Amino acid sequence: MLAIATIVYAVNWYKQEQRSKQISEMTCDDLVDAIITREISILEVPAEHREAVNEILQEIQEQLDKS
């Protein structure tokens, strides 16, 4: 039973690592698209892209408010 639990944990950990790697390789525009389509959470945006992503999202919000 412990072996099965360990394998399941390892598979889940590997999937999370792959997702984190994919997200870290995305451009700011790709991150915004993924946030809008709810593929990723705003909390998953890497720290180095947060400011740019927030600015893009703010611009989108301003455009929507004008409409």
PDB file of N, CA and C in Angstrom:
ATOM      1  N   MET A   1       0.826  -1.183   0.000  1.00  0.00           N
ATOM      2  CA  MET A   1       0.000   0.000   0.000  1.00  0.00           C
ATOM      3  C   MET A   1       0.875   1.254   0.000  1.00  0.00           C
ATOM      4  N   LEU A   2       1.933   1.208   0.777  1.00  0.00           N
ATOM      5  CA  LEU A   2       2.856   2.344   0.850  1.00  0.00           C
ATOM      6  C   LEU A   2       3.531   2.584  -0.496  1.00  0.00           C
ATOM      7  N   ALA A   3       3.845   1.535  -1.205  1.00  0.00           N
ATOM      8  CA  ALA A   3       4.481   1.665  -2.521  1.00  0.00           C
ATOM      9  C   ALA A   3       3.544   2.345  -3.511  1.00  0.00           C
ATOM     10  N   ILE A   4       2.275   1.992  -3.475  1.00  0.00           N
ATOM     11  CA  ILE A   4       1.300   2.603  -4.379  1.00  0.00           C
ATOM     12  C   ILE A   4       1.142   4.083  -4.054  1.00  0.00           C
ATOM     13  N   ALA A   5       1.056   4.406  -2.766  1.00  0.00           N
ATOM     14  CA  ALA A   5       0.932   5.800  -2.343  1.00  0.00           C
ATOM     15  C   ALA A   5       2.156   6.605  -2.773  1.00  0.00           C
ATOM     16  N   THR A   6       3.324   6.013  -2.682  1.00  0.00           N
ATOM     17  CA  THR A   6       4.554   6.686  -3.083  1.00  0.00           C
ATOM     18  C   THR A   6       4.568   6.938  -4.585  1.00  0.00           C
ATOM     19  N   ILE A   7       4.121   5.978  -5.350  1.00  0.00           N
ATOM     20  CA  ILE A   7       4.062   6.138  -6.810  1.00  0.00           C
ATOM     21  C   ILE A   7       3.066   7.227  -7.185  1.00  0.00           C
ATOM     22  N   VAL A   8       1.905   7.228  -6.567  1.00  0.00           N
ATOM     23  CA  VAL A   8       0.896   8.255  -6.843  1.00  0.00           C
ATOM     24  C   VAL A   8       1.447   9.629  -6.487  1.00  0.00           C
ATOM     25  N   TYR A   9       2.104   9.749  -5.345  1.00  0.00           N
ATOM     26  CA  TYR A   9       2.697  11.021  -4.938  1.00  0.00           C
ATOM     27  C   TYR A   9       3.752  11.472  -5.943  1.00  0.00           C
ATOM     28  N   ALA A  10       4.593  10.557  -6.386  1.00  0.00           N
ATOM     29  CA  ALA A  10       5.651  10.896  -7.339  1.00  0.00           C
ATOM     30  C   ALA A  10       5.067  11.356  -8.671  1.00  0.00           C
ATOM     31  N   VAL A  11       4.024  10.717  -9.140  1.00  0.00           N
ATOM     32  CA  VAL A  11       3.377  11.113 -10.395  1.00  0.00           C
ATOM     33  C   VAL A  11       2.766  12.502 -10.263  1.00  0.00           C
ATOM     34  N   ASN A  12       2.071  12.755  -9.158  1.00  0.00           N
ATOM     35  CA  ASN A  12       1.480  14.076  -8.945  1.00  0.00           C
ATOM     36  C   ASN A  12       2.547  15.157  -8.841  1.00  0.00           C
ATOM     37  N   TRP A  13       3.616  14.870  -8.130  1.00  0.00           N
ATOM     38  CA  TRP A  13       4.721  15.821  -7.995  1.00  0.00           C
ATOM     39  C   TRP A  13       5.328  16.120  -9.364  1.00  0.00           C
ATOM     40  N   TYR A  14       5.519  15.097 -10.178  1.00  0.00           N
ATOM     41  CA  TYR A  14       6.094  15.271 -11.511  1.00  0.00           C
ATOM     42  C   TYR A  14       5.186  16.148 -12.388  1.00  0.00           C
ATOM     43  N   LYS A  15       3.884  15.907 -12.325  1.00  0.00           N
ATOM     44  CA  LYS A  15       2.938  16.713 -13.097  1.00  0.00           C
ATOM     45  C   LYS A  15       2.989  18.179 -12.665  1.00  0.00           C
ATOM     46  N   GLN A  16       3.075  18.424 -11.362  1.00  0.00           N
ATOM     47  CA  GLN A  16       3.143  19.786 -10.862  1.00  0.00           C
ATOM     48  C   GLN A  16       4.441  20.469 -11.314  1.00  0.00           C
ATOM     49  N   GLU A  17       5.527  19.744 -11.301  1.00  0.00           N
ATOM     50  CA  GLU A  17       6.806  20.298 -11.746  1.00  0.00           C
ATOM     51  C   GLU A  17       6.764  20.651 -13.232  1.00  0.00           C
ATOM     52  N   GLN A  18       6.163  19.784 -14.033  1.00  0.00           N
ATOM     53  CA  GLN A  18       6.042  20.046 -15.467  1.00  0.00           C
ATOM     54  C   GLN A  18       5.170  21.275 -15.713  1.00  0.00           C
ATOM     55  N   ARG A  19       4.074  21.397 -14.974  1.00  0.00           N
ATOM     56  CA  ARG A  19       3.178  22.552 -15.116  1.00  0.00           C
ATOM     57  C   ARG A  19       3.921  23.831 -14.730  1.00  0.00           C
ATOM     58  N   SER A  20       4.656  23.800 -13.638  1.00  0.00           N
ATOM     59  CA  SER A  20       5.421  24.976 -13.209  1.00  0.00           C
ATOM     60  C   SER A  20       6.462  25.357 -14.251  1.00  0.00           C
ATOM     61  N   LYS A  21       7.099  24.357 -14.831  1.00  0.00           N
ATOM     62  CA  LYS A  21       8.104  24.623 -15.856  1.00  0.00           C
ATOM     63  C   LYS A  21       7.450  25.249 -17.086  1.00  0.00           C
ATOM     64  N   GLN A  22       6.303  24.719 -17.495  1.00  0.00           N
ATOM     65  CA  GLN A  22       5.570  25.265 -18.641  1.00  0.00           C
ATOM     66  C   GLN A  22       5.179  26.709 -18.394  1.00  0.00           C
ATOM     67  N   ILE A  23       4.663  26.991 -17.218  1.00  0.00           N
ATOM     68  CA  ILE A  23       4.217  28.336 -16.879  1.00  0.00           C
ATOM     69  C   ILE A  23       5.394  29.297 -16.854  1.00  0.00           C
ATOM     70  N   SER A  24       6.519  28.875 -16.326  1.00  0.00           N
ATOM     71  CA  SER A  24       7.684  29.764 -16.242  1.00  0.00           C
ATOM     72  C   SER A  24       8.257  30.087 -17.612  1.00  0.00           C
ATOM     73  N   GLU A  25       7.986  29.263 -18.620  1.00  0.00           N
ATOM     74  CA  GLU A  25       8.487  29.500 -19.968  1.00  0.00           C
ATOM     75  C   GLU A  25       7.533  30.329 -20.824  1.00  0.00           C
ATOM     76  N   MET A  26       6.356  30.667 -20.285  1.00  0.00           N
ATOM     77  CA  MET A  26       5.372  31.433 -21.042  1.00  0.00           C
ATOM     78  C   MET A  26       5.740  32.915 -21.059  1.00  0.00           C
ATOM     79  N   THR A  27       5.337  33.586 -22.151  1.00  0.00           N
ATOM     80  CA  THR A  27       5.520  35.035 -22.225  1.00  0.00           C
ATOM     81  C   THR A  27       4.393  35.700 -21.440  1.00  0.00           C
ATOM     82  N   CYS A  28       4.531  36.996 -21.224  1.00  0.00           N
ATOM     83  CA  CYS A  28       3.496  37.728 -20.488  1.00  0.00           C
ATOM     84  C   CYS A  28       2.152  37.643 -21.202  1.00  0.00           C
ATOM     85  N   ASP A  29       2.159  37.770 -22.515  1.00  0.00           N
ATOM     86  CA  ASP A  29       0.906  37.677 -23.273  1.00  0.00           C
ATOM     87  C   ASP A  29       0.283  36.294 -23.152  1.00  0.00           C
ATOM     88  N   ASP A  30       1.120  35.267 -23.208  1.00  0.00           N
ATOM     89  CA  ASP A  30       0.615  33.903 -23.047  1.00  0.00           C
ATOM     90  C   ASP A  30       0.023  33.695 -21.652  1.00  0.00           C
ATOM     91  N   LEU A  31       0.679  34.277 -20.654  1.00  0.00           N
ATOM     92  CA  LEU A  31       0.170  34.162 -19.288  1.00  0.00           C
ATOM     93  C   LEU A  31      -1.189  34.834 -19.148  1.00  0.00           C
ATOM     94  N   VAL A  32      -1.325  36.026 -19.745  1.00  0.00           N
ATOM     95  CA  VAL A  32      -2.610  36.731 -19.685  1.00  0.00           C
ATOM     96  C   VAL A  32      -3.691  35.914 -20.376  1.00  0.00           C
ATOM     97  N   ASP A  33      -3.380  35.369 -21.540  1.00  0.00           N
ATOM     98  CA  ASP A  33      -4.351  34.525 -22.246  1.00  0.00           C
ATOM     99  C   ASP A  33      -4.755  33.322 -21.390  1.00  0.00           C
ATOM    100  N   ALA A  34      -3.779  32.709 -20.754  1.00  0.00           N
ATOM    101  CA  ALA A  34      -4.064  31.539 -19.916  1.00  0.00           C
ATOM    102  C   ALA A  34      -4.909  31.920 -18.699  1.00  0.00           C
ATOM    103  N   ILE A  35      -4.666  33.094 -18.152  1.00  0.00           N
ATOM    104  CA  ILE A  35      -5.467  33.566 -17.016  1.00  0.00           C
ATOM    105  C   ILE A  35      -6.902  33.816 -17.463  1.00  0.00           C
ATOM    106  N   ILE A  36      -7.056  34.482 -18.604  1.00  0.00           N
ATOM    107  CA  ILE A  36      -8.390  34.810 -19.095  1.00  0.00           C
ATOM    108  C   ILE A  36      -9.188  33.545 -19.410  1.00  0.00           C
ATOM    109  N   THR A  37      -8.536  32.560 -19.982  1.00  0.00           N
ATOM    110  CA  THR A  37      -9.229  31.306 -20.309  1.00  0.00           C
ATOM    111  C   THR A  37      -9.271  30.339 -19.123  1.00  0.00           C
ATOM    112  N   ARG A  38      -8.782  30.785 -18.002  1.00  0.00           N
ATOM    113  CA  ARG A  38      -8.790  30.039 -16.740  1.00  0.00           C
ATOM    114  C   ARG A  38      -8.008  28.735 -16.797  1.00  0.00           C
ATOM    115  N   GLU A  39      -6.954  28.740 -17.613  1.00  0.00           N
ATOM    116  CA  GLU A  39      -6.066  27.585 -17.652  1.00  0.00           C
ATOM    117  C   GLU A  39      -5.109  27.616 -16.468  1.00  0.00           C
ATOM    118  N   ILE A  40      -4.771  28.844 -16.021  1.00  0.00           N
ATOM    119  CA  ILE A  40      -3.921  29.000 -14.849  1.00  0.00           C
ATOM    120  C   ILE A  40      -4.535  30.060 -13.940  1.00  0.00           C
ATOM    121  N   SER A  41      -4.090  30.065 -12.720  1.00  0.00           N
ATOM    122  CA  SER A  41      -4.528  31.055 -11.745  1.00  0.00           C
ATOM    123  C   SER A  41      -3.553  32.224 -11.752  1.00  0.00           C
ATOM    124  N   ILE A  42      -4.028  33.384 -11.378  1.00  0.00           N
ATOM    125  CA  ILE A  42      -3.157  34.558 -11.260  1.00  0.00           C
ATOM    126  C   ILE A  42      -2.057  34.290 -10.237  1.00  0.00           C
ATOM    127  N   LEU A  43      -2.336  33.409  -9.297  1.00  0.00           N
ATOM    128  CA  LEU A  43      -1.357  33.080  -8.264  1.00  0.00           C
ATOM    129  C   LEU A  43      -0.192  32.257  -8.808  1.00  0.00           C
ATOM    130  N   GLU A  44      -0.366  31.659  -9.974  1.00  0.00           N
ATOM    131  CA  GLU A  44       0.690  30.830 -10.562  1.00  0.00           C
ATOM    132  C   GLU A  44       1.660  31.621 -11.438  1.00  0.00           C
ATOM    133  N   VAL A  45       1.388  32.906 -11.634  1.00  0.00           N
ATOM    134  CA  VAL A  45       2.260  33.728 -12.472  1.00  0.00           C
ATOM    135  C   VAL A  45       3.601  33.884 -11.769  1.00  0.00           C
ATOM    136  N   PRO A  46       4.706  33.606 -12.478  1.00  0.00           N
ATOM    137  CA  PRO A  46       6.023  33.749 -11.873  1.00  0.00           C
ATOM    138  C   PRO A  46       6.278  35.203 -11.437  1.00  0.00           C
ATOM    139  N   ALA A  47       7.009  35.376 -10.379  1.00  0.00           N
ATOM    140  CA  ALA A  47       7.261  36.695  -9.804  1.00  0.00           C
ATOM    141  C   ALA A  47       7.853  37.672 -10.816  1.00  0.00           C
ATOM    142  N   GLU A  48       8.703  37.189 -11.702  1.00  0.00           N
ATOM    143  CA  GLU A  48       9.357  38.079 -12.657  1.00  0.00           C
ATOM    144  C   GLU A  48       8.404  38.626 -13.720  1.00  0.00           C
ATOM    145  N   HIS A  49       7.220  38.014 -13.839  1.00  0.00           N
ATOM    146  CA  HIS A  49       6.242  38.464 -14.839  1.00  0.00           C
ATOM    147  C   HIS A  49       5.027  39.144 -14.221  1.00  0.00           C
ATOM    148  N   ARG A  50       4.940  39.164 -12.913  1.00  0.00           N
ATOM    149  CA  ARG A  50       3.723  39.663 -12.263  1.00  0.00           C
ATOM    150  C   ARG A  50       3.397  41.111 -12.621  1.00  0.00           C
ATOM    151  N   GLU A  51       4.382  41.971 -12.586  1.00  0.00           N
ATOM    152  CA  GLU A  51       4.125  43.390 -12.852  1.00  0.00           C
ATOM    153  C   GLU A  51       3.606  43.600 -14.273  1.00  0.00           C
ATOM    154  N   ALA A  52       4.257  42.979 -15.239  1.00  0.00           N
ATOM    155  CA  ALA A  52       3.832  43.131 -16.635  1.00  0.00           C
ATOM    156  C   ALA A  52       2.441  42.539 -16.857  1.00  0.00           C
ATOM    157  N   VAL A  53       2.181  41.391 -16.280  1.00  0.00           N
ATOM    158  CA  VAL A  53       0.874  40.750 -16.424  1.00  0.00           C
ATOM    159  C   VAL A  53      -0.205  41.623 -15.778  1.00  0.00           C
ATOM    160  N   ASN A  54       0.085  42.174 -14.610  1.00  0.00           N
ATOM    161  CA  ASN A  54      -0.880  43.045 -13.947  1.00  0.00           C
ATOM    162  C   ASN A  54      -1.180  44.282 -14.782  1.00  0.00           C
ATOM    163  N   GLU A  55      -0.163  44.844 -15.421  1.00  0.00           N
ATOM    164  CA  GLU A  55      -0.369  46.014 -16.278  1.00  0.00           C
ATOM    165  C   GLU A  55      -1.257  45.672 -17.474  1.00  0.00           C
ATOM    166  N   ILE A  56      -1.011  44.525 -18.089  1.00  0.00           N
ATOM    167  CA  ILE A  56      -1.826  44.108 -19.238  1.00  0.00           C
ATOM    168  C   ILE A  56      -3.268  43.875 -18.802  1.00  0.00           C
ATOM    169  N   LEU A  57      -3.453  43.211 -17.675  1.00  0.00           N
ATOM    170  CA  LEU A  57      -4.803  42.967 -17.177  1.00  0.00           C
ATOM    171  C   LEU A  57      -5.506  44.277 -16.825  1.00  0.00           C
ATOM    172  N   GLN A  58      -4.762  45.229 -16.289  1.00  0.00           N
ATOM    173  CA  GLN A  58      -5.336  46.539 -15.971  1.00  0.00           C
ATOM    174  C   GLN A  58      -5.774  47.259 -17.247  1.00  0.00           C
ATOM    175  N   GLU A  59      -4.961  47.179 -18.298  1.00  0.00           N
ATOM    176  CA  GLU A  59      -5.325  47.793 -19.577  1.00  0.00           C
ATOM    177  C   GLU A  59      -6.595  47.154 -20.148  1.00  0.00           C
ATOM    178  N   ILE A  60      -6.691  45.846 -20.036  1.00  0.00           N
ATOM    179  CA  ILE A  60      -7.889  45.146 -20.516  1.00  0.00           C
ATOM    180  C   ILE A  60      -9.103  45.609 -19.717  1.00  0.00           C
ATOM    181  N   GLN A  61      -8.947  45.723 -18.397  1.00  0.00           N
ATOM    182  CA  GLN A  61     -10.053  46.163 -17.550  1.00  0.00           C
ATOM    183  C   GLN A  61     -10.483  47.581 -17.927  1.00  0.00           C
ATOM    184  N   GLU A  62      -9.544  48.454 -18.191  1.00  0.00           N
ATOM    185  CA  GLU A  62      -9.867  49.828 -18.594  1.00  0.00           C
ATOM    186  C   GLU A  62     -10.623  49.854 -19.917  1.00  0.00           C
ATOM    187  N   GLN A  63     -10.193  49.002 -20.859  1.00  0.00           N
ATOM    188  CA  GLN A  63     -10.902  48.933 -22.155  1.00  0.00           C
ATOM    189  C   GLN A  63     -12.324  48.430 -21.960  1.00  0.00           C
ATOM    190  N   LEU A  64     -12.499  47.454 -21.092  1.00  0.00           N
ATOM    191  CA  LEU A  64     -13.834  46.925 -20.825  1.00  0.00           C
ATOM    192  C   LEU A  64     -14.709  47.962 -20.125  1.00  0.00           C
ATOM    193  N   ASP A  65     -14.117  48.763 -19.252  1.00  0.00           N
ATOM    194  CA  ASP A  65     -14.880  49.801 -18.553  1.00  0.00           C
ATOM    195  C   ASP A  65     -15.345  50.890 -19.517  1.00  0.00           C
ATOM    196  N   LYS A  66     -14.578  51.142 -20.554  1.00  0.00           N
ATOM    197  CA  LYS A  66     -14.941  52.171 -21.550  1.00  0.00           C
ATOM    198  C   LYS A  66     -16.111  51.721 -22.417  1.00  0.00           C
ATOM    199  N   SER A  67     -16.249  50.429 -22.574  1.00  0.00           N
ATOM    200  CA  SER A  67     -17.300  49.890 -23.453  1.00  0.00           C
ATOM    201  C   SER A  67     -18.679  50.039 -22.866  1.00  0.00           C
TER     202      SER A  67
END
